Amino acid sequence: MTAFEDRPQLPLTPVRRVLVGVGVALFVAQVAAAAALAPVTTGDGASAGLLALLWLASLVLSTAVALLVVRQAEMADIATASFIATIAPHAVFALVAALDARGTNDEVDLVDAVFFGVTAGALAALLVWPVAMGIARLVRMPRGPS
């Protein structure tokens, strides 16, 4: 079996470590917020406006997380970070909302709910990725060594 060679990476400086730590903390907070907000924003009396606002906030937070956790402005790094930072909260939100609806008339299959959350997160990540890439280039985030 052939191992993939890792491409050169910029060093993880003390400042970069702090930024990665902030990004990871923001990611954890985003996933926790998704889990906490899902039951109170879905089901009976759900507000489409509030859900749209939460979705927009998730895009902003996911973009920030993606930019904070990468060392360099390489397309593969930012794409991976964008997908992880966006899919996880969407999947958690859908799963917790489905768990909260169990035993009610709004009950849905948990697998379907997670599939929907992952798909919605992946589609949202397709918005986050180019925005994060554009911001990285705009602020002249360092590129990896050649």
N, C-alpha and C. Protein backbone atom coordinates (compact mmCIF):
# COMPACT_ATOMS: atom_id res chain seq x y z
N MET A 1 0.84 -1.17 0.00
CA MET A 1 0.00 0.00 0.00
C MET A 1 0.89 1.24 0.00
N THR A 2 0.59 2.17 -0.87
CA THR A 2 1.37 3.39 -0.98
C THR A 2 0.76 4.48 -0.12
N ALA A 3 1.59 5.11 0.68
CA ALA A 3 1.11 6.21 1.51
C ALA A 3 1.14 7.50 0.70
N PHE A 4 0.19 8.36 0.96
CA PHE A 4 0.18 9.65 0.30
C PHE A 4 1.26 10.53 0.93
N GLU A 5 2.01 11.19 0.09
CA GLU A 5 3.01 12.10 0.61
C GLU A 5 2.34 13.40 0.99
N ASP A 6 2.68 13.88 2.16
CA ASP A 6 2.14 15.15 2.61
C ASP A 6 2.92 16.27 1.94
N ARG A 7 2.21 17.25 1.44
CA ARG A 7 2.91 18.35 0.79
C ARG A 7 3.49 19.27 1.85
N PRO A 8 4.44 20.10 1.47
CA PRO A 8 5.06 21.00 2.46
C PRO A 8 4.03 21.90 3.13
N GLN A 9 4.21 22.13 4.40
CA GLN A 9 3.31 22.96 5.19
C GLN A 9 4.10 24.13 5.78
N LEU A 10 3.43 25.24 5.96
CA LEU A 10 4.04 26.34 6.68
C LEU A 10 4.20 25.94 8.14
N PRO A 11 5.20 26.46 8.82
CA PRO A 11 5.38 26.10 10.24
C PRO A 11 4.20 26.59 11.08
N LEU A 12 3.93 25.86 12.15
CA LEU A 12 2.86 26.22 13.06
C LEU A 12 3.46 27.12 14.15
N THR A 13 3.43 28.42 13.90
CA THR A 13 4.01 29.40 14.82
C THR A 13 3.13 29.55 16.06
N PRO A 14 3.65 30.17 17.12
CA PRO A 14 2.82 30.39 18.31
C PRO A 14 1.54 31.18 18.02
N VAL A 15 1.63 32.19 17.18
CA VAL A 15 0.43 32.97 16.83
C VAL A 15 -0.55 32.09 16.07
N ARG A 16 -0.05 31.30 15.15
CA ARG A 16 -0.91 30.42 14.36
C ARG A 16 -1.59 29.38 15.26
N ARG A 17 -0.87 28.90 16.28
CA ARG A 17 -1.46 27.94 17.23
C ARG A 17 -2.64 28.57 17.96
N VAL A 18 -2.49 29.82 18.35
CA VAL A 18 -3.59 30.52 19.03
C VAL A 18 -4.78 30.66 18.09
N LEU A 19 -4.51 31.03 16.83
CA LEU A 19 -5.60 31.17 15.87
C LEU A 19 -6.29 29.84 15.61
N VAL A 20 -5.53 28.76 15.51
CA VAL A 20 -6.13 27.44 15.33
C VAL A 20 -6.97 27.08 16.56
N GLY A 21 -6.46 27.39 17.75
CA GLY A 21 -7.23 27.13 18.98
C GLY A 21 -8.54 27.90 19.01
N VAL A 22 -8.48 29.17 18.59
CA VAL A 22 -9.70 29.98 18.52
C VAL A 22 -10.66 29.38 17.50
N GLY A 23 -10.13 28.93 16.37
CA GLY A 23 -10.98 28.32 15.34
C GLY A 23 -11.64 27.04 15.82
N VAL A 24 -10.88 26.21 16.52
CA VAL A 24 -11.44 24.96 17.05
C VAL A 24 -12.51 25.28 18.10
N ALA A 25 -12.25 26.24 18.97
CA ALA A 25 -13.23 26.63 19.98
C ALA A 25 -14.50 27.18 19.33
N LEU A 26 -14.34 27.97 18.28
CA LEU A 26 -15.49 28.51 17.55
C LEU A 26 -16.28 27.39 16.88
N PHE A 27 -15.56 26.40 16.35
CA PHE A 27 -16.22 25.24 15.72
C PHE A 27 -17.03 24.46 16.75
N VAL A 28 -16.44 24.19 17.90
CA VAL A 28 -17.14 23.46 18.96
C VAL A 28 -18.37 24.25 19.42
N ALA A 29 -18.21 25.56 19.57
CA ALA A 29 -19.34 26.42 19.97
C ALA A 29 -20.44 26.39 18.92
N GLN A 30 -20.05 26.39 17.65
CA GLN A 30 -21.05 26.36 16.58
C GLN A 30 -21.83 25.05 16.59
N VAL A 31 -21.14 23.93 16.77
CA VAL A 31 -21.82 22.63 16.82
C VAL A 31 -22.72 22.56 18.06
N ALA A 32 -22.24 23.05 19.20
CA ALA A 32 -23.04 23.05 20.43
C ALA A 32 -24.27 23.94 20.27
N ALA A 33 -24.09 25.09 19.63
CA ALA A 33 -25.23 26.00 19.40
C ALA A 33 -26.25 25.35 18.47
N ALA A 34 -25.77 24.64 17.45
CA ALA A 34 -26.69 23.94 16.55
C ALA A 34 -27.52 22.92 17.31
N ALA A 35 -26.87 22.19 18.21
CA ALA A 35 -27.59 21.19 19.01
C ALA A 35 -28.58 21.85 19.96
N ALA A 36 -28.19 22.98 20.54
CA ALA A 36 -29.06 23.66 21.51
C ALA A 36 -30.23 24.36 20.82
N LEU A 37 -30.00 24.91 19.64
CA LEU A 37 -31.04 25.69 18.97
C LEU A 37 -32.01 24.85 18.15
N ALA A 38 -31.62 23.67 17.75
CA ALA A 38 -32.49 22.84 16.90
C ALA A 38 -33.86 22.58 17.51
N PRO A 39 -33.96 22.15 18.78
CA PRO A 39 -35.29 21.86 19.31
C PRO A 39 -36.20 23.08 19.44
N VAL A 40 -35.61 24.24 19.70
CA VAL A 40 -36.45 25.42 19.94
C VAL A 40 -36.75 26.20 18.67
N THR A 41 -36.11 25.86 17.55
CA THR A 41 -36.35 26.61 16.32
C THR A 41 -37.04 25.79 15.24
N THR A 42 -37.36 24.53 15.55
CA THR A 42 -38.01 23.66 14.57
C THR A 42 -39.32 23.14 15.16
N GLY A 43 -40.05 22.39 14.36
CA GLY A 43 -41.31 21.81 14.83
C GLY A 43 -42.45 22.81 14.80
N ASP A 44 -43.42 22.64 15.69
CA ASP A 44 -44.57 23.54 15.73
C ASP A 44 -44.11 24.97 16.02
N GLY A 45 -44.60 25.88 15.23
CA GLY A 45 -44.28 27.29 15.44
C GLY A 45 -42.91 27.70 14.92
N ALA A 46 -42.31 26.88 14.08
CA ALA A 46 -41.00 27.23 13.52
C ALA A 46 -41.13 28.47 12.65
N SER A 47 -40.13 29.31 12.72
CA SER A 47 -40.11 30.54 11.95
C SER A 47 -39.12 30.42 10.80
N ALA A 48 -39.62 30.57 9.59
CA ALA A 48 -38.74 30.49 8.42
C ALA A 48 -37.69 31.60 8.46
N GLY A 49 -38.07 32.75 8.94
CA GLY A 49 -37.13 33.87 9.04
C GLY A 49 -36.01 33.58 10.02
N LEU A 50 -36.35 33.00 11.16
CA LEU A 50 -35.33 32.65 12.15
C LEU A 50 -34.40 31.56 11.62
N LEU A 51 -34.97 30.56 10.93
CA LEU A 51 -34.15 29.51 10.34
C LEU A 51 -33.21 30.07 9.27
N ALA A 52 -33.69 31.00 8.48
CA ALA A 52 -32.84 31.64 7.46
C ALA A 52 -31.72 32.43 8.13
N LEU A 53 -32.04 33.11 9.21
CA LEU A 53 -31.02 33.87 9.96
C LEU A 53 -29.97 32.93 10.55
N LEU A 54 -30.41 31.81 11.11
CA LEU A 54 -29.47 30.81 11.64
C LEU A 54 -28.58 30.25 10.54
N TRP A 55 -29.17 30.02 9.37
CA TRP A 55 -28.40 29.49 8.24
C TRP A 55 -27.33 30.50 7.81
N LEU A 56 -27.71 31.76 7.71
CA LEU A 56 -26.72 32.79 7.35
C LEU A 56 -25.63 32.90 8.40
N ALA A 57 -26.01 32.84 9.66
CA ALA A 57 -25.01 32.89 10.74
C ALA A 57 -24.07 31.70 10.65
N SER A 58 -24.61 30.53 10.30
CA SER A 58 -23.75 29.35 10.18
C SER A 58 -22.75 29.52 9.04
N LEU A 59 -23.14 30.18 7.97
CA LEU A 59 -22.21 30.43 6.87
C LEU A 59 -21.08 31.35 7.30
N VAL A 60 -21.42 32.40 8.05
CA VAL A 60 -20.41 33.34 8.53
C VAL A 60 -19.45 32.64 9.50
N LEU A 61 -20.02 31.90 10.46
CA LEU A 61 -19.18 31.18 11.43
C LEU A 61 -18.32 30.13 10.76
N SER A 62 -18.87 29.40 9.80
CA SER A 62 -18.11 28.37 9.11
C SER A 62 -16.95 28.98 8.32
N THR A 63 -17.18 30.13 7.73
CA THR A 63 -16.11 30.82 6.99
C THR A 63 -15.01 31.23 7.96
N ALA A 64 -15.39 31.77 9.10
CA ALA A 64 -14.39 32.17 10.10
C ALA A 64 -13.60 30.97 10.59
N VAL A 65 -14.29 29.88 10.88
CA VAL A 65 -13.62 28.66 11.35
C VAL A 65 -12.65 28.16 10.29
N ALA A 66 -13.09 28.09 9.05
CA ALA A 66 -12.24 27.59 7.97
C ALA A 66 -10.96 28.42 7.86
N LEU A 67 -11.08 29.73 7.98
CA LEU A 67 -9.90 30.59 7.86
C LEU A 67 -8.99 30.50 9.08
N LEU A 68 -9.57 30.26 10.24
CA LEU A 68 -8.75 30.19 11.45
C LEU A 68 -7.98 28.89 11.59
N VAL A 69 -8.51 27.80 11.10
CA VAL A 69 -7.87 26.51 11.35
C VAL A 69 -6.86 26.09 10.29
N VAL A 70 -6.78 26.80 9.19
CA VAL A 70 -5.79 26.42 8.17
C VAL A 70 -4.50 27.21 8.34
N ARG A 71 -3.39 26.58 7.99
CA ARG A 71 -2.09 27.24 8.09
C ARG A 71 -1.79 28.11 6.88
N GLN A 72 -2.34 27.75 5.75
CA GLN A 72 -1.97 28.42 4.51
C GLN A 72 -3.16 28.48 3.56
N ALA A 73 -3.08 29.41 2.63
CA ALA A 73 -4.19 29.64 1.70
C ALA A 73 -4.08 28.75 0.47
N GLU A 74 -4.00 27.47 0.68
CA GLU A 74 -4.00 26.51 -0.43
C GLU A 74 -5.43 26.01 -0.62
N MET A 75 -5.80 25.80 -1.86
CA MET A 75 -7.18 25.42 -2.17
C MET A 75 -7.62 24.17 -1.41
N ALA A 76 -6.77 23.15 -1.36
CA ALA A 76 -7.15 21.90 -0.69
C ALA A 76 -7.37 22.11 0.80
N ASP A 77 -6.54 22.92 1.43
CA ASP A 77 -6.66 23.18 2.87
C ASP A 77 -7.96 23.91 3.18
N ILE A 78 -8.24 24.95 2.43
CA ILE A 78 -9.44 25.75 2.69
C ILE A 78 -10.70 24.98 2.32
N ALA A 79 -10.64 24.19 1.26
CA ALA A 79 -11.80 23.38 0.89
C ALA A 79 -12.14 22.38 1.99
N THR A 80 -11.14 21.67 2.47
CA THR A 80 -11.36 20.67 3.52
C THR A 80 -11.90 21.33 4.78
N ALA A 81 -11.28 22.42 5.20
CA ALA A 81 -11.73 23.12 6.40
C ALA A 81 -13.15 23.65 6.22
N SER A 82 -13.48 24.15 5.04
CA SER A 82 -14.83 24.67 4.78
C SER A 82 -15.87 23.57 4.89
N PHE A 83 -15.57 22.40 4.32
CA PHE A 83 -16.54 21.31 4.37
C PHE A 83 -16.72 20.78 5.80
N ILE A 84 -15.64 20.62 6.54
CA ILE A 84 -15.76 20.14 7.91
C ILE A 84 -16.51 21.16 8.77
N ALA A 85 -16.15 22.43 8.63
CA ALA A 85 -16.75 23.47 9.46
C ALA A 85 -18.22 23.71 9.14
N THR A 86 -18.65 23.33 7.95
CA THR A 86 -20.04 23.58 7.55
C THR A 86 -20.92 22.36 7.69
N ILE A 87 -20.42 21.20 7.32
CA ILE A 87 -21.26 20.00 7.35
C ILE A 87 -21.61 19.58 8.77
N ALA A 88 -20.64 19.60 9.67
CA ALA A 88 -20.88 19.10 11.04
C ALA A 88 -22.03 19.83 11.74
N PRO A 89 -22.06 21.17 11.78
CA PRO A 89 -23.19 21.82 12.47
C PRO A 89 -24.54 21.57 11.79
N HIS A 90 -24.55 21.50 10.46
CA HIS A 90 -25.81 21.22 9.77
C HIS A 90 -26.32 19.82 10.10
N ALA A 91 -25.41 18.85 10.13
CA ALA A 91 -25.81 17.47 10.44
C ALA A 91 -26.30 17.36 11.88
N VAL A 92 -25.60 18.02 12.80
CA VAL A 92 -26.02 17.99 14.21
C VAL A 92 -27.37 18.66 14.38
N PHE A 93 -27.58 19.80 13.73
CA PHE A 93 -28.85 20.51 13.81
C PHE A 93 -29.99 19.61 13.35
N ALA A 94 -29.82 18.97 12.19
CA ALA A 94 -30.88 18.11 11.65
C ALA A 94 -31.13 16.90 12.55
N LEU A 95 -30.06 16.31 13.07
CA LEU A 95 -30.21 15.13 13.93
C LEU A 95 -30.92 15.49 15.23
N VAL A 96 -30.52 16.57 15.88
CA VAL A 96 -31.15 16.95 17.14
C VAL A 96 -32.61 17.36 16.93
N ALA A 97 -32.88 18.04 15.83
CA ALA A 97 -34.27 18.39 15.52
C ALA A 97 -35.11 17.14 15.32
N ALA A 98 -34.56 16.14 14.64
CA ALA A 98 -35.28 14.88 14.42
C ALA A 98 -35.47 14.12 15.73
N LEU A 99 -34.45 14.11 16.57
CA LEU A 99 -34.58 13.45 17.88
C LEU A 99 -35.64 14.13 18.73
N ASP A 100 -35.69 15.45 18.67
CA ASP A 100 -36.68 16.20 19.45
C ASP A 100 -38.11 15.92 18.97
N ALA A 101 -38.26 15.61 17.69
CA ALA A 101 -39.60 15.37 17.13
C ALA A 101 -40.08 13.94 17.31
N ARG A 102 -39.23 13.07 17.87
CA ARG A 102 -39.65 11.68 18.05
C ARG A 102 -40.88 11.59 18.94
N GLY A 103 -41.81 10.75 18.54
CA GLY A 103 -43.03 10.55 19.30
C GLY A 103 -44.10 11.59 19.01
N THR A 104 -43.86 12.49 18.07
CA THR A 104 -44.85 13.50 17.70
C THR A 104 -45.33 13.22 16.27
N ASN A 105 -46.29 14.01 15.81
CA ASN A 105 -46.76 13.87 14.43
C ASN A 105 -45.70 14.31 13.43
N ASP A 106 -44.69 15.05 13.88
CA ASP A 106 -43.63 15.56 13.00
C ASP A 106 -42.43 14.62 12.92
N GLU A 107 -42.55 13.43 13.50
CA GLU A 107 -41.42 12.51 13.56
C GLU A 107 -40.93 12.13 12.16
N VAL A 108 -39.61 12.11 12.00
CA VAL A 108 -38.98 11.70 10.75
C VAL A 108 -37.94 10.62 11.06
N ASP A 109 -37.54 9.91 10.03
CA ASP A 109 -36.51 8.89 10.17
C ASP A 109 -35.18 9.58 10.48
N LEU A 110 -34.45 9.08 11.47
CA LEU A 110 -33.20 9.72 11.88
C LEU A 110 -32.14 9.66 10.78
N VAL A 111 -32.08 8.57 10.06
CA VAL A 111 -31.10 8.46 8.97
C VAL A 111 -31.40 9.49 7.88
N ASP A 112 -32.68 9.65 7.57
CA ASP A 112 -33.06 10.65 6.58
C ASP A 112 -32.69 12.06 7.06
N ALA A 113 -32.91 12.31 8.34
CA ALA A 113 -32.59 13.63 8.89
C ALA A 113 -31.10 13.91 8.82
N VAL A 114 -30.28 12.93 9.19
CA VAL A 114 -28.82 13.13 9.12
C VAL A 114 -28.39 13.29 7.67
N PHE A 115 -28.94 12.48 6.77
CA PHE A 115 -28.61 12.60 5.36
C PHE A 115 -28.96 14.00 4.85
N PHE A 116 -30.13 14.49 5.25
CA PHE A 116 -30.53 15.85 4.86
C PHE A 116 -29.55 16.89 5.42
N GLY A 117 -29.18 16.73 6.68
CA GLY A 117 -28.26 17.68 7.30
C GLY A 117 -26.90 17.69 6.64
N VAL A 118 -26.38 16.51 6.33
CA VAL A 118 -25.08 16.41 5.67
C VAL A 118 -25.16 17.00 4.26
N THR A 119 -26.23 16.71 3.55
CA THR A 119 -26.39 17.25 2.20
C THR A 119 -26.53 18.77 2.23
N ALA A 120 -27.36 19.27 3.14
CA ALA A 120 -27.52 20.72 3.25
C ALA A 120 -26.21 21.38 3.65
N GLY A 121 -25.46 20.73 4.54
CA GLY A 121 -24.16 21.26 4.95
C GLY A 121 -23.17 21.27 3.80
N ALA A 122 -23.17 20.21 3.00
CA ALA A 122 -22.26 20.16 1.86
C ALA A 122 -22.59 21.24 0.83
N LEU A 123 -23.88 21.44 0.60
CA LEU A 123 -24.27 22.49 -0.33
C LEU A 123 -23.90 23.88 0.21
N ALA A 124 -24.08 24.06 1.51
CA ALA A 124 -23.70 25.34 2.12
C ALA A 124 -22.18 25.52 2.07
N ALA A 125 -21.44 24.43 2.21
CA ALA A 125 -19.98 24.50 2.14
C ALA A 125 -19.50 24.95 0.78
N LEU A 126 -20.29 24.67 -0.25
CA LEU A 126 -19.94 25.14 -1.59
C LEU A 126 -20.06 26.66 -1.68
N LEU A 127 -20.76 27.28 -0.76
CA LEU A 127 -20.79 28.75 -0.66
C LEU A 127 -19.65 29.25 0.23
N VAL A 128 -19.39 28.52 1.31
CA VAL A 128 -18.36 28.93 2.26
C VAL A 128 -16.97 28.86 1.64
N TRP A 129 -16.70 27.81 0.91
CA TRP A 129 -15.37 27.57 0.35
C TRP A 129 -14.87 28.74 -0.51
N PRO A 130 -15.62 29.18 -1.55
CA PRO A 130 -15.10 30.29 -2.36
C PRO A 130 -15.01 31.61 -1.60
N VAL A 131 -15.92 31.81 -0.66
CA VAL A 131 -15.85 33.04 0.15
C VAL A 131 -14.60 33.01 1.01
N ALA A 132 -14.34 31.88 1.67
CA ALA A 132 -13.13 31.75 2.49
C ALA A 132 -11.88 31.88 1.63
N MET A 133 -11.88 31.28 0.46
CA MET A 133 -10.73 31.37 -0.44
C MET A 133 -10.51 32.82 -0.87
N GLY A 134 -11.59 33.51 -1.18
CA GLY A 134 -11.49 34.91 -1.58
C GLY A 134 -10.97 35.79 -0.46
N ILE A 135 -11.45 35.56 0.75
CA ILE A 135 -10.98 36.34 1.90
C ILE A 135 -9.50 36.05 2.16
N ALA A 136 -9.11 34.77 2.06
CA ALA A 136 -7.70 34.40 2.26
C ALA A 136 -6.80 35.13 1.26
N ARG A 137 -7.24 35.22 0.04
CA ARG A 137 -6.45 35.92 -0.97
C ARG A 137 -6.48 37.43 -0.72
N LEU A 138 -7.64 37.95 -0.33
CA LEU A 138 -7.79 39.38 -0.08
C LEU A 138 -6.88 39.86 1.05
N VAL A 139 -6.81 39.08 2.12
CA VAL A 139 -5.97 39.47 3.26
C VAL A 139 -4.54 38.95 3.10
N ARG A 140 -4.28 38.37 1.94
CA ARG A 140 -2.94 37.86 1.61
C ARG A 140 -2.42 36.84 2.61
N MET A 141 -3.30 35.92 2.93
CA MET A 141 -2.91 34.81 3.79
C MET A 141 -1.78 34.07 3.10
N PRO A 142 -0.75 33.66 3.85
CA PRO A 142 0.41 33.04 3.20
C PRO A 142 0.05 31.74 2.48
N ARG A 143 0.70 31.53 1.37
CA ARG A 143 0.56 30.28 0.62
C ARG A 143 1.61 29.32 1.12
N GLY A 144 1.40 28.05 0.90
CA GLY A 144 2.34 27.03 1.35
C GLY A 144 3.65 27.08 0.59
N PRO A 145 4.69 26.51 1.19
CA PRO A 145 5.97 26.47 0.50
C PRO A 145 5.88 25.56 -0.74
N SER A 146 6.62 25.89 -1.74
CA SER A 146 6.58 25.10 -3.00
C SER A 146 7.44 23.89 -2.95
